[in-house]
Amino acid sequence: MRHLSFDLSDGSDDILTLDAMASTRAPEHAAVMAEVEQVLAWARAEFGGRQGPVEDGNAWDHELLVQHEDGGWVTVTLTLSASPEFADAFRAVFVAPEDE
């Protein structure tokens, strides 16, 4: 990942949150969205059929926000709600050991 860097936060209800945000100029927006799609494609492939509200027993869910701002900036925010199983698998694929 060049543009997205995820932060993990623990919830008191065994639901973890992975948040990433990237703010780039419009010409770089496609690269950011390619990273978003890479993450979502991985999640669908590894946890297919298990997407939905984590509090209802699913493994993961996501929210994607794209905001076009003044000056040609585009801010992308990707939030993943995750079960511990999903978060562990995510970290194994997308988080370098030195970043933990």
PDB file of N, CA and C in Angstrom:
ATOM      1  N   MET A   1       0.832  -1.173   0.000  1.00  0.00           N
ATOM      2  CA  MET A   1       0.000   0.000   0.000  1.00  0.00           C
ATOM      3  C   MET A   1       0.887   1.250   0.000  1.00  0.00           C
ATOM      4  N   ARG A   2       0.629   2.072  -0.955  1.00  0.00           N
ATOM      5  CA  ARG A   2       1.381   3.330  -1.039  1.00  0.00           C
ATOM      6  C   ARG A   2       0.592   4.490  -0.437  1.00  0.00           C
ATOM      7  N   HIS A   3      -0.716   4.466  -0.622  1.00  0.00           N
ATOM      8  CA  HIS A   3      -1.542   5.591  -0.185  1.00  0.00           C
ATOM      9  C   HIS A   3      -2.306   5.301   1.111  1.00  0.00           C
ATOM     10  N   LEU A   4      -2.781   4.079   1.261  1.00  0.00           N
ATOM     11  CA  LEU A   4      -3.599   3.746   2.434  1.00  0.00           C
ATOM     12  C   LEU A   4      -2.739   3.166   3.542  1.00  0.00           C
ATOM     13  N   SER A   5      -2.903   3.685   4.721  1.00  0.00           N
ATOM     14  CA  SER A   5      -2.253   3.168   5.913  1.00  0.00           C
ATOM     15  C   SER A   5      -3.350   2.990   6.959  1.00  0.00           C
ATOM     16  N   PHE A   6      -3.492   1.786   7.462  1.00  0.00           N
ATOM     17  CA  PHE A   6      -4.606   1.473   8.351  1.00  0.00           C
ATOM     18  C   PHE A   6      -4.221   1.592   9.814  1.00  0.00           C
ATOM     19  N   ASP A   7      -5.159   2.122  10.589  1.00  0.00           N
ATOM     20  CA  ASP A   7      -5.049   2.165  12.041  1.00  0.00           C
ATOM     21  C   ASP A   7      -6.090   1.212  12.610  1.00  0.00           C
ATOM     22  N   LEU A   8      -5.693   0.419  13.581  1.00  0.00           N
ATOM     23  CA  LEU A   8      -6.587  -0.546  14.218  1.00  0.00           C
ATOM     24  C   LEU A   8      -6.996  -0.039  15.582  1.00  0.00           C
ATOM     25  N   SER A   9      -8.299  -0.098  15.857  1.00  0.00           N
ATOM     26  CA  SER A   9      -8.779   0.235  17.197  1.00  0.00           C
ATOM     27  C   SER A   9      -9.695  -0.883  17.670  1.00  0.00           C
ATOM     28  N   ASP A  10      -9.594  -1.169  18.957  1.00  0.00           N
ATOM     29  CA  ASP A  10     -10.399  -2.217  19.578  1.00  0.00           C
ATOM     30  C   ASP A  10     -11.669  -1.630  20.146  1.00  0.00           C
ATOM     31  N   GLY A  11     -12.760  -2.375  20.000  1.00  0.00           N
ATOM     32  CA  GLY A  11     -14.010  -2.001  20.644  1.00  0.00           C
ATOM     33  C   GLY A  11     -14.224  -2.877  21.860  1.00  0.00           C
ATOM     34  N   SER A  12     -15.089  -2.457  22.733  1.00  0.00           N
ATOM     35  CA  SER A  12     -15.343  -3.239  23.940  1.00  0.00           C
ATOM     36  C   SER A  12     -16.221  -4.453  23.660  1.00  0.00           C
ATOM     37  N   ASP A  13     -16.787  -4.522  22.458  1.00  0.00           N
ATOM     38  CA  ASP A  13     -17.718  -5.600  22.129  1.00  0.00           C
ATOM     39  C   ASP A  13     -17.117  -6.611  21.162  1.00  0.00           C
ATOM     40  N   ASP A  14     -15.780  -6.750  21.141  1.00  0.00           N
ATOM     41  CA  ASP A  14     -15.074  -7.687  20.260  1.00  0.00           C
ATOM     42  C   ASP A  14     -15.191  -7.323  18.785  1.00  0.00           C
ATOM     43  N   ILE A  15     -15.536  -6.086  18.485  1.00  0.00           N
ATOM     44  CA  ILE A  15     -15.553  -5.589  17.113  1.00  0.00           C
ATOM     45  C   ILE A  15     -14.388  -4.629  16.970  1.00  0.00           C
ATOM     46  N   LEU A  16     -13.543  -4.904  15.994  1.00  0.00           N
ATOM     47  CA  LEU A  16     -12.380  -4.064  15.749  1.00  0.00           C
ATOM     48  C   LEU A  16     -12.676  -3.149  14.574  1.00  0.00           C
ATOM     49  N   THR A  17     -11.985  -2.035  14.521  1.00  0.00           N
ATOM     50  CA  THR A  17     -12.160  -1.083  13.437  1.00  0.00           C
ATOM     51  C   THR A  17     -10.808  -0.814  12.801  1.00  0.00           C
ATOM     52  N   LEU A  18     -10.777  -0.934  11.477  1.00  0.00           N
ATOM     53  CA  LEU A  18      -9.596  -0.609  10.693  1.00  0.00           C
ATOM     54  C   LEU A  18      -9.941   0.625   9.860  1.00  0.00           C
ATOM     55  N   ASP A  19      -9.249   1.724  10.090  1.00  0.00           N
ATOM     56  CA  ASP A  19      -9.517   2.984   9.395  1.00  0.00           C
ATOM     57  C   ASP A  19      -8.325   3.376   8.548  1.00  0.00           C
ATOM     58  N   ALA A  20      -8.617   3.841   7.342  1.00  0.00           N
ATOM     59  CA  ALA A  20      -7.571   4.388   6.477  1.00  0.00           C
ATOM     60  C   ALA A  20      -8.112   5.624   5.778  1.00  0.00           C
ATOM     61  N   MET A  21      -7.227   6.599   5.574  1.00  0.00           N
ATOM     62  CA  MET A  21      -7.619   7.798   4.861  1.00  0.00           C
ATOM     63  C   MET A  21      -6.455   8.224   3.968  1.00  0.00           C
ATOM     64  N   ALA A  22      -6.798   8.678   2.769  1.00  0.00           N
ATOM     65  CA  ALA A  22      -5.795   9.220   1.854  1.00  0.00           C
ATOM     66  C   ALA A  22      -6.369  10.477   1.226  1.00  0.00           C
ATOM     67  N   SER A  23      -5.556  11.507   1.199  1.00  0.00           N
ATOM     68  CA  SER A  23      -5.953  12.750   0.559  1.00  0.00           C
ATOM     69  C   SER A  23      -4.922  13.047  -0.520  1.00  0.00           C
ATOM     70  N   THR A  24      -5.381  13.040  -1.772  1.00  0.00           N
ATOM     71  CA  THR A  24      -4.480  13.220  -2.896  1.00  0.00           C
ATOM     72  C   THR A  24      -5.075  14.215  -3.883  1.00  0.00           C
ATOM     73  N   ARG A  25      -4.257  14.667  -4.787  1.00  0.00           N
ATOM     74  CA  ARG A  25      -4.733  15.464  -5.908  1.00  0.00           C
ATOM     75  C   ARG A  25      -5.514  14.549  -6.837  1.00  0.00           C
ATOM     76  N   ALA A  26      -6.411  15.111  -7.593  1.00  0.00           N
ATOM     77  CA  ALA A  26      -7.284  14.342  -8.483  1.00  0.00           C
ATOM     78  C   ALA A  26      -6.524  13.353  -9.383  1.00  0.00           C
ATOM     79  N   PRO A  27      -5.366  13.715  -9.956  1.00  0.00           N
ATOM     80  CA  PRO A  27      -4.679  12.750 -10.827  1.00  0.00           C
ATOM     81  C   PRO A  27      -4.239  11.457 -10.120  1.00  0.00           C
ATOM     82  N   GLU A  28      -4.043  11.499  -8.809  1.00  0.00           N
ATOM     83  CA  GLU A  28      -3.634  10.308  -8.055  1.00  0.00           C
ATOM     84  C   GLU A  28      -4.808   9.530  -7.487  1.00  0.00           C
ATOM     85  N   HIS A  29      -6.004  10.041  -7.659  1.00  0.00           N
ATOM     86  CA  HIS A  29      -7.191   9.409  -7.074  1.00  0.00           C
ATOM     87  C   HIS A  29      -7.380   7.967  -7.554  1.00  0.00           C
ATOM     88  N   ALA A  30      -7.111   7.714  -8.821  1.00  0.00           N
ATOM     89  CA  ALA A  30      -7.280   6.352  -9.352  1.00  0.00           C
ATOM     90  C   ALA A  30      -6.371   5.361  -8.632  1.00  0.00           C
ATOM     91  N   ALA A  31      -5.168   5.769  -8.272  1.00  0.00           N
ATOM     92  CA  ALA A  31      -4.247   4.882  -7.547  1.00  0.00           C
ATOM     93  C   ALA A  31      -4.782   4.557  -6.156  1.00  0.00           C
ATOM     94  N   VAL A  32      -5.370   5.553  -5.503  1.00  0.00           N
ATOM     95  CA  VAL A  32      -5.964   5.327  -4.180  1.00  0.00           C
ATOM     96  C   VAL A  32      -7.125   4.337  -4.298  1.00  0.00           C
ATOM     97  N   MET A  33      -7.972   4.562  -5.292  1.00  0.00           N
ATOM     98  CA  MET A  33      -9.126   3.675  -5.459  1.00  0.00           C
ATOM     99  C   MET A  33      -8.702   2.258  -5.844  1.00  0.00           C
ATOM    100  N   ALA A  34      -7.582   2.115  -6.538  1.00  0.00           N
ATOM    101  CA  ALA A  34      -7.058   0.780  -6.842  1.00  0.00           C
ATOM    102  C   ALA A  34      -6.652   0.061  -5.558  1.00  0.00           C
ATOM    103  N   GLU A  35      -6.070   0.788  -4.609  1.00  0.00           N
ATOM    104  CA  GLU A  35      -5.722   0.187  -3.321  1.00  0.00           C
ATOM    105  C   GLU A  35      -6.975  -0.196  -2.547  1.00  0.00           C
ATOM    106  N   VAL A  36      -7.985   0.669  -2.571  1.00  0.00           N
ATOM    107  CA  VAL A  36      -9.259   0.348  -1.910  1.00  0.00           C
ATOM    108  C   VAL A  36      -9.824  -0.932  -2.507  1.00  0.00           C
ATOM    109  N   GLU A  37      -9.835  -1.023  -3.830  1.00  0.00           N
ATOM    110  CA  GLU A  37     -10.387  -2.209  -4.482  1.00  0.00           C
ATOM    111  C   GLU A  37      -9.569  -3.453  -4.167  1.00  0.00           C
ATOM    112  N   GLN A  38      -8.260  -3.308  -4.030  1.00  0.00           N
ATOM    113  CA  GLN A  38      -7.413  -4.442  -3.656  1.00  0.00           C
ATOM    114  C   GLN A  38      -7.813  -4.988  -2.284  1.00  0.00           C
ATOM    115  N   VAL A  39      -8.009  -4.090  -1.335  1.00  0.00           N
ATOM    116  CA  VAL A  39      -8.419  -4.505   0.011  1.00  0.00           C
ATOM    117  C   VAL A  39      -9.795  -5.169  -0.025  1.00  0.00           C
ATOM    118  N   LEU A  40     -10.746  -4.541  -0.703  1.00  0.00           N
ATOM    119  CA  LEU A  40     -12.101  -5.094  -0.740  1.00  0.00           C
ATOM    120  C   LEU A  40     -12.150  -6.412  -1.508  1.00  0.00           C
ATOM    121  N   ALA A  41     -11.386  -6.536  -2.574  1.00  0.00           N
ATOM    122  CA  ALA A  41     -11.346  -7.803  -3.323  1.00  0.00           C
ATOM    123  C   ALA A  41     -10.786  -8.913  -2.454  1.00  0.00           C
ATOM    124  N   TRP A  42      -9.735  -8.607  -1.689  1.00  0.00           N
ATOM    125  CA  TRP A  42      -9.182  -9.596  -0.772  1.00  0.00           C
ATOM    126  C   TRP A  42     -10.235 -10.014   0.252  1.00  0.00           C
ATOM    127  N   ALA A  43     -10.921  -9.049   0.843  1.00  0.00           N
ATOM    128  CA  ALA A  43     -11.930  -9.349   1.866  1.00  0.00           C
ATOM    129  C   ALA A  43     -13.041 -10.225   1.294  1.00  0.00           C
ATOM    130  N   ARG A  44     -13.489  -9.907   0.090  1.00  0.00           N
ATOM    131  CA  ARG A  44     -14.553 -10.704  -0.537  1.00  0.00           C
ATOM    132  C   ARG A  44     -14.075 -12.118  -0.859  1.00  0.00           C
ATOM    133  N   ALA A  45     -12.828 -12.237  -1.285  1.00  0.00           N
ATOM    134  CA  ALA A  45     -12.286 -13.555  -1.636  1.00  0.00           C
ATOM    135  C   ALA A  45     -12.066 -14.420  -0.387  1.00  0.00           C
ATOM    136  N   GLU A  46     -11.520 -13.814   0.658  1.00  0.00           N
ATOM    137  CA  GLU A  46     -11.178 -14.568   1.871  1.00  0.00           C
ATOM    138  C   GLU A  46     -12.374 -14.784   2.806  1.00  0.00           C
ATOM    139  N   PHE A  47     -13.306 -13.854   2.806  1.00  0.00           N
ATOM    140  CA  PHE A  47     -14.439 -13.916   3.731  1.00  0.00           C
ATOM    141  C   PHE A  47     -15.748 -13.743   2.969  1.00  0.00           C
ATOM    142  N   GLY A  48     -15.820 -14.346   1.780  1.00  0.00           N
ATOM    143  CA  GLY A  48     -17.014 -14.267   0.948  1.00  0.00           C
ATOM    144  C   GLY A  48     -18.244 -14.791   1.676  1.00  0.00           C
ATOM    145  N   GLY A  49     -19.346 -14.101   1.516  1.00  0.00           N
ATOM    146  CA  GLY A  49     -20.578 -14.505   2.180  1.00  0.00           C
ATOM    147  C   GLY A  49     -20.626 -14.160   3.655  1.00  0.00           C
ATOM    148  N   ARG A  50     -19.581 -13.511   4.155  1.00  0.00           N
ATOM    149  CA  ARG A  50     -19.541 -13.175   5.582  1.00  0.00           C
ATOM    150  C   ARG A  50     -19.448 -11.672   5.801  1.00  0.00           C
ATOM    151  N   GLN A  51     -19.910 -10.902   4.782  1.00  0.00           N
ATOM    152  CA  GLN A  51     -19.919  -9.454   4.905  1.00  0.00           C
ATOM    153  C   GLN A  51     -21.281  -8.998   5.409  1.00  0.00           C
ATOM    154  N   GLY A  52     -21.265  -8.097   6.350  1.00  0.00           N
ATOM    155  CA  GLY A  52     -22.474  -7.538   6.925  1.00  0.00           C
ATOM    156  C   GLY A  52     -22.169  -7.058   8.327  1.00  0.00           C
ATOM    157  N   PRO A  53     -23.162  -6.610   9.047  1.00  0.00           N
ATOM    158  CA  PRO A  53     -22.913  -6.098  10.394  1.00  0.00           C
ATOM    159  C   PRO A  53     -22.186  -7.125  11.272  1.00  0.00           C
ATOM    160  N   VAL A  54     -21.029  -6.733  11.772  1.00  0.00           N
ATOM    161  CA  VAL A  54     -20.224  -7.635  12.591  1.00  0.00           C
ATOM    162  C   VAL A  54     -20.962  -7.974  13.890  1.00  0.00           C
ATOM    163  N   GLU A  55     -21.742  -7.015  14.401  1.00  0.00           N
ATOM    164  CA  GLU A  55     -22.498  -7.273  15.633  1.00  0.00           C
ATOM    165  C   GLU A  55     -23.568  -8.349  15.435  1.00  0.00           C
ATOM    166  N   ASP A  56     -23.881  -8.667  14.167  1.00  0.00           N
ATOM    167  CA  ASP A  56     -24.835  -9.734  13.862  1.00  0.00           C
ATOM    168  C   ASP A  56     -24.143 -11.053  13.553  1.00  0.00           C
ATOM    169  N   GLY A  57     -22.834 -11.126  13.786  1.00  0.00           N
ATOM    170  CA  GLY A  57     -22.102 -12.366  13.591  1.00  0.00           C
ATOM    171  C   GLY A  57     -21.327 -12.471  12.288  1.00  0.00           C
ATOM    172  N   ASN A  58     -21.326 -11.428  11.479  1.00  0.00           N
ATOM    173  CA  ASN A  58     -20.546 -11.447  10.241  1.00  0.00           C
ATOM    174  C   ASN A  58     -19.083 -11.159  10.546  1.00  0.00           C
ATOM    175  N   ALA A  59     -18.219 -11.447   9.565  1.00  0.00           N
ATOM    176  CA  ALA A  59     -16.781 -11.269   9.771  1.00  0.00           C
ATOM    177  C   ALA A  59     -16.320  -9.841   9.514  1.00  0.00           C
ATOM    178  N   TRP A  60     -17.015  -9.138   8.593  1.00  0.00           N
ATOM    179  CA  TRP A  60     -16.542  -7.800   8.241  1.00  0.00           C
ATOM    180  C   TRP A  60     -17.630  -7.009   7.534  1.00  0.00           C
ATOM    181  N   ASP A  61     -17.436  -5.718   7.534  1.00  0.00           N
ATOM    182  CA  ASP A  61     -18.272  -4.802   6.770  1.00  0.00           C
ATOM    183  C   ASP A  61     -17.419  -3.572   6.480  1.00  0.00           C
ATOM    184  N   HIS A  62     -17.883  -2.716   5.600  1.00  0.00           N
ATOM    185  CA  HIS A  62     -17.074  -1.544   5.282  1.00  0.00           C
ATOM    186  C   HIS A  62     -17.944  -0.341   4.952  1.00  0.00           C
ATOM    187  N   GLU A  63     -17.306   0.808   5.074  1.00  0.00           N
ATOM    188  CA  GLU A  63     -17.897   2.073   4.656  1.00  0.00           C
ATOM    189  C   GLU A  63     -16.816   2.813   3.883  1.00  0.00           C
ATOM    190  N   LEU A  64     -17.188   3.321   2.712  1.00  0.00           N
ATOM    191  CA  LEU A  64     -16.262   4.054   1.868  1.00  0.00           C
ATOM    192  C   LEU A  64     -16.828   5.441   1.603  1.00  0.00           C
ATOM    193  N   LEU A  65     -16.045   6.462   1.917  1.00  0.00           N
ATOM    194  CA  LEU A  65     -16.437   7.846   1.667  1.00  0.00           C
ATOM    195  C   LEU A  65     -15.418   8.487   0.744  1.00  0.00           C
ATOM    196  N   VAL A  66     -15.904   9.178  -0.277  1.00  0.00           N
ATOM    197  CA  VAL A  66     -15.051   9.910  -1.201  1.00  0.00           C
ATOM    198  C   VAL A  66     -15.542  11.349  -1.226  1.00  0.00           C
ATOM    199  N   GLN A  67     -14.652  12.273  -0.886  1.00  0.00           N
ATOM    200  CA  GLN A  67     -15.012  13.684  -0.837  1.00  0.00           C
ATOM    201  C   GLN A  67     -14.112  14.474  -1.781  1.00  0.00           C
ATOM    202  N   HIS A  68     -14.729  15.214  -2.685  1.00  0.00           N
ATOM    203  CA  HIS A  68     -13.994  16.100  -3.586  1.00  0.00           C
ATOM    204  C   HIS A  68     -13.924  17.462  -2.913  1.00  0.00           C
ATOM    205  N   GLU A  69     -12.709  17.960  -2.731  1.00  0.00           N
ATOM    206  CA  GLU A  69     -12.498  19.185  -1.975  1.00  0.00           C
ATOM    207  C   GLU A  69     -11.921  20.275  -2.865  1.00  0.00           C
ATOM    208  N   ASP A  70     -11.910  21.471  -2.327  1.00  0.00           N
ATOM    209  CA  ASP A  70     -11.356  22.615  -3.050  1.00  0.00           C
ATOM    210  C   ASP A  70      -9.900  22.372  -3.411  1.00  0.00           C
ATOM    211  N   GLY A  71      -9.494  22.974  -4.502  1.00  0.00           N
ATOM    212  CA  GLY A  71      -8.098  22.877  -4.910  1.00  0.00           C
ATOM    213  C   GLY A  71      -7.749  21.594  -5.629  1.00  0.00           C
ATOM    214  N   GLY A  72      -8.739  20.800  -6.006  1.00  0.00           N
ATOM    215  CA  GLY A  72      -8.478  19.559  -6.724  1.00  0.00           C
ATOM    216  C   GLY A  72      -8.077  18.389  -5.854  1.00  0.00           C
ATOM    217  N   TRP A  73      -8.295  18.494  -4.556  1.00  0.00           N
ATOM    218  CA  TRP A  73      -7.983  17.396  -3.639  1.00  0.00           C
ATOM    219  C   TRP A  73      -9.172  16.446  -3.547  1.00  0.00           C
ATOM    220  N   VAL A  74      -8.849  15.158  -3.373  1.00  0.00           N
ATOM    221  CA  VAL A  74      -9.869  14.137  -3.162  1.00  0.00           C
ATOM    222  C   VAL A  74      -9.466  13.347  -1.916  1.00  0.00           C
ATOM    223  N   THR A  75     -10.382  13.268  -0.949  1.00  0.00           N
ATOM    224  CA  THR A  75     -10.119  12.525   0.278  1.00  0.00           C
ATOM    225  C   THR A  75     -10.957  11.251   0.269  1.00  0.00           C
ATOM    226  N   VAL A  76     -10.281  10.132   0.482  1.00  0.00           N
ATOM    227  CA  VAL A  76     -10.931   8.825   0.531  1.00  0.00           C
ATOM    228  C   VAL A  76     -10.759   8.281   1.940  1.00  0.00           C
ATOM    229  N   THR A  77     -11.870   7.857   2.535  1.00  0.00           N
ATOM    230  CA  THR A  77     -11.840   7.239   3.857  1.00  0.00           C
ATOM    231  C   THR A  77     -12.465   5.860   3.742  1.00  0.00           C
ATOM    232  N   LEU A  78     -11.721   4.835   4.138  1.00  0.00           N
ATOM    233  CA  LEU A  78     -12.210   3.458   4.150  1.00  0.00           C
ATOM    234  C   LEU A  78     -12.192   2.967   5.582  1.00  0.00           C
ATOM    235  N   THR A  79     -13.356   2.544   6.060  1.00  0.00           N
ATOM    236  CA  THR A  79     -13.472   2.007   7.409  1.00  0.00           C
ATOM    237  C   THR A  79     -13.973   0.571   7.309  1.00  0.00           C
ATOM    238  N   LEU A  80     -13.236  -0.334   7.931  1.00  0.00           N
ATOM    239  CA  LEU A  80     -13.631  -1.736   7.990  1.00  0.00           C
ATOM    240  C   LEU A  80     -13.997  -2.075   9.426  1.00  0.00           C
ATOM    241  N   SER A  81     -15.180  -2.625   9.624  1.00  0.00           N
ATOM    242  CA  SER A  81     -15.545  -3.213  10.905  1.00  0.00           C
ATOM    243  C   SER A  81     -15.152  -4.677  10.791  1.00  0.00           C
ATOM    244  N   ALA A  82     -14.523  -5.212  11.819  1.00  0.00           N
ATOM    245  CA  ALA A  82     -13.933  -6.536  11.679  1.00  0.00           C
ATOM    246  C   ALA A  82     -14.072  -7.395  12.920  1.00  0.00           C
ATOM    247  N   SER A  83     -14.258  -8.682  12.684  1.00  0.00           N
ATOM    248  CA  SER A  83     -14.151  -9.657  13.760  1.00  0.00           C
ATOM    249  C   SER A  83     -12.662  -9.851  14.042  1.00  0.00           C
ATOM    250  N   PRO A  84     -12.309 -10.401  15.198  1.00  0.00           N
ATOM    251  CA  PRO A  84     -10.890 -10.664  15.465  1.00  0.00           C
ATOM    252  C   PRO A  84     -10.261 -11.564  14.393  1.00  0.00           C
ATOM    253  N   GLU A  85     -10.989 -12.546  13.899  1.00  0.00           N
ATOM    254  CA  GLU A  85     -10.489 -13.441  12.851  1.00  0.00           C
ATOM    255  C   GLU A  85     -10.136 -12.644  11.587  1.00  0.00           C
ATOM    256  N   PHE A  86     -11.028 -11.759  11.172  1.00  0.00           N
ATOM    257  CA  PHE A  86     -10.788 -10.938   9.985  1.00  0.00           C
ATOM    258  C   PHE A  86      -9.595 -10.017  10.215  1.00  0.00           C
ATOM    259  N   ALA A  87      -9.543  -9.368  11.365  1.00  0.00           N
ATOM    260  CA  ALA A  87      -8.450  -8.427  11.650  1.00  0.00           C
ATOM    261  C   ALA A  87      -7.097  -9.135  11.643  1.00  0.00           C
ATOM    262  N   ASP A  88      -7.026 -10.336  12.199  1.00  0.00           N
ATOM    263  CA  ASP A  88      -5.770 -11.086  12.195  1.00  0.00           C
ATOM    264  C   ASP A  88      -5.342 -11.427  10.770  1.00  0.00           C
ATOM    265  N   ALA A  89      -6.287 -11.888   9.954  1.00  0.00           N
ATOM    266  CA  ALA A  89      -5.978 -12.222   8.560  1.00  0.00           C
ATOM    267  C   ALA A  89      -5.575 -10.975   7.783  1.00  0.00           C
ATOM    268  N   PHE A  90      -6.252  -9.867   8.037  1.00  0.00           N
ATOM    269  CA  PHE A  90      -5.938  -8.595   7.376  1.00  0.00           C
ATOM    270  C   PHE A  90      -4.508  -8.167   7.705  1.00  0.00           C
ATOM    271  N   ARG A  91      -4.170  -8.198   8.978  1.00  0.00           N
ATOM    272  CA  ARG A  91      -2.819  -7.787   9.397  1.00  0.00           C
ATOM    273  C   ARG A  91      -1.747  -8.655   8.745  1.00  0.00           C
ATOM    274  N   ALA A  92      -2.019  -9.952   8.625  1.00  0.00           N
ATOM    275  CA  ALA A  92      -1.043 -10.864   8.025  1.00  0.00           C
ATOM    276  C   ALA A  92      -0.762 -10.514   6.563  1.00  0.00           C
ATOM    277  N   VAL A  93      -1.749  -9.965   5.869  1.00  0.00           N
ATOM    278  CA  VAL A  93      -1.595  -9.653   4.457  1.00  0.00           C
ATOM    279  C   VAL A  93      -1.155  -8.208   4.221  1.00  0.00           C
ATOM    280  N   PHE A  94      -1.703  -7.254   4.972  1.00  0.00           N
ATOM    281  CA  PHE A  94      -1.541  -5.839   4.640  1.00  0.00           C
ATOM    282  C   PHE A  94      -0.673  -5.025   5.593  1.00  0.00           C
ATOM    283  N   VAL A  95      -0.260  -5.579   6.709  1.00  0.00           N
ATOM    284  CA  VAL A  95       0.534  -4.806   7.659  1.00  0.00           C
ATOM    285  C   VAL A  95       1.930  -5.423   7.774  1.00  0.00           C
ATOM    286  N   ALA A  96       2.932  -4.628   7.461  1.00  0.00           N
ATOM    287  CA  ALA A  96       4.305  -5.079   7.571  1.00  0.00           C
ATOM    288  C   ALA A  96       4.658  -5.248   9.042  1.00  0.00           C
ATOM    289  N   PRO A  97       5.461  -6.272   9.379  1.00  0.00           N
ATOM    290  CA  PRO A  97       5.819  -6.506  10.792  1.00  0.00           C
ATOM    291  C   PRO A  97       6.397  -5.278  11.478  1.00  0.00           C
ATOM    292  N   GLU A  98       7.190  -4.482  10.756  1.00  0.00           N
ATOM    293  CA  GLU A  98       7.780  -3.291  11.385  1.00  0.00           C
ATOM    294  C   GLU A  98       6.753  -2.201  11.670  1.00  0.00           C
ATOM    295  N   ASP A  99       5.561  -2.310  11.080  1.00  0.00           N
ATOM    296  CA  ASP A  99       4.501  -1.317  11.327  1.00  0.00           C
ATOM    297  C   ASP A  99       3.612  -1.687  12.506  1.00  0.00           C
ATOM    298  N   GLU A 100       3.794  -2.877  13.060  1.00  0.00           N
ATOM    299  CA  GLU A 100       2.938  -3.295  14.179  1.00  0.00           C
ATOM    300  C   GLU A 100       3.482  -2.798  15.493  1.00  0.00           C
TER     301      GLU A 100
END
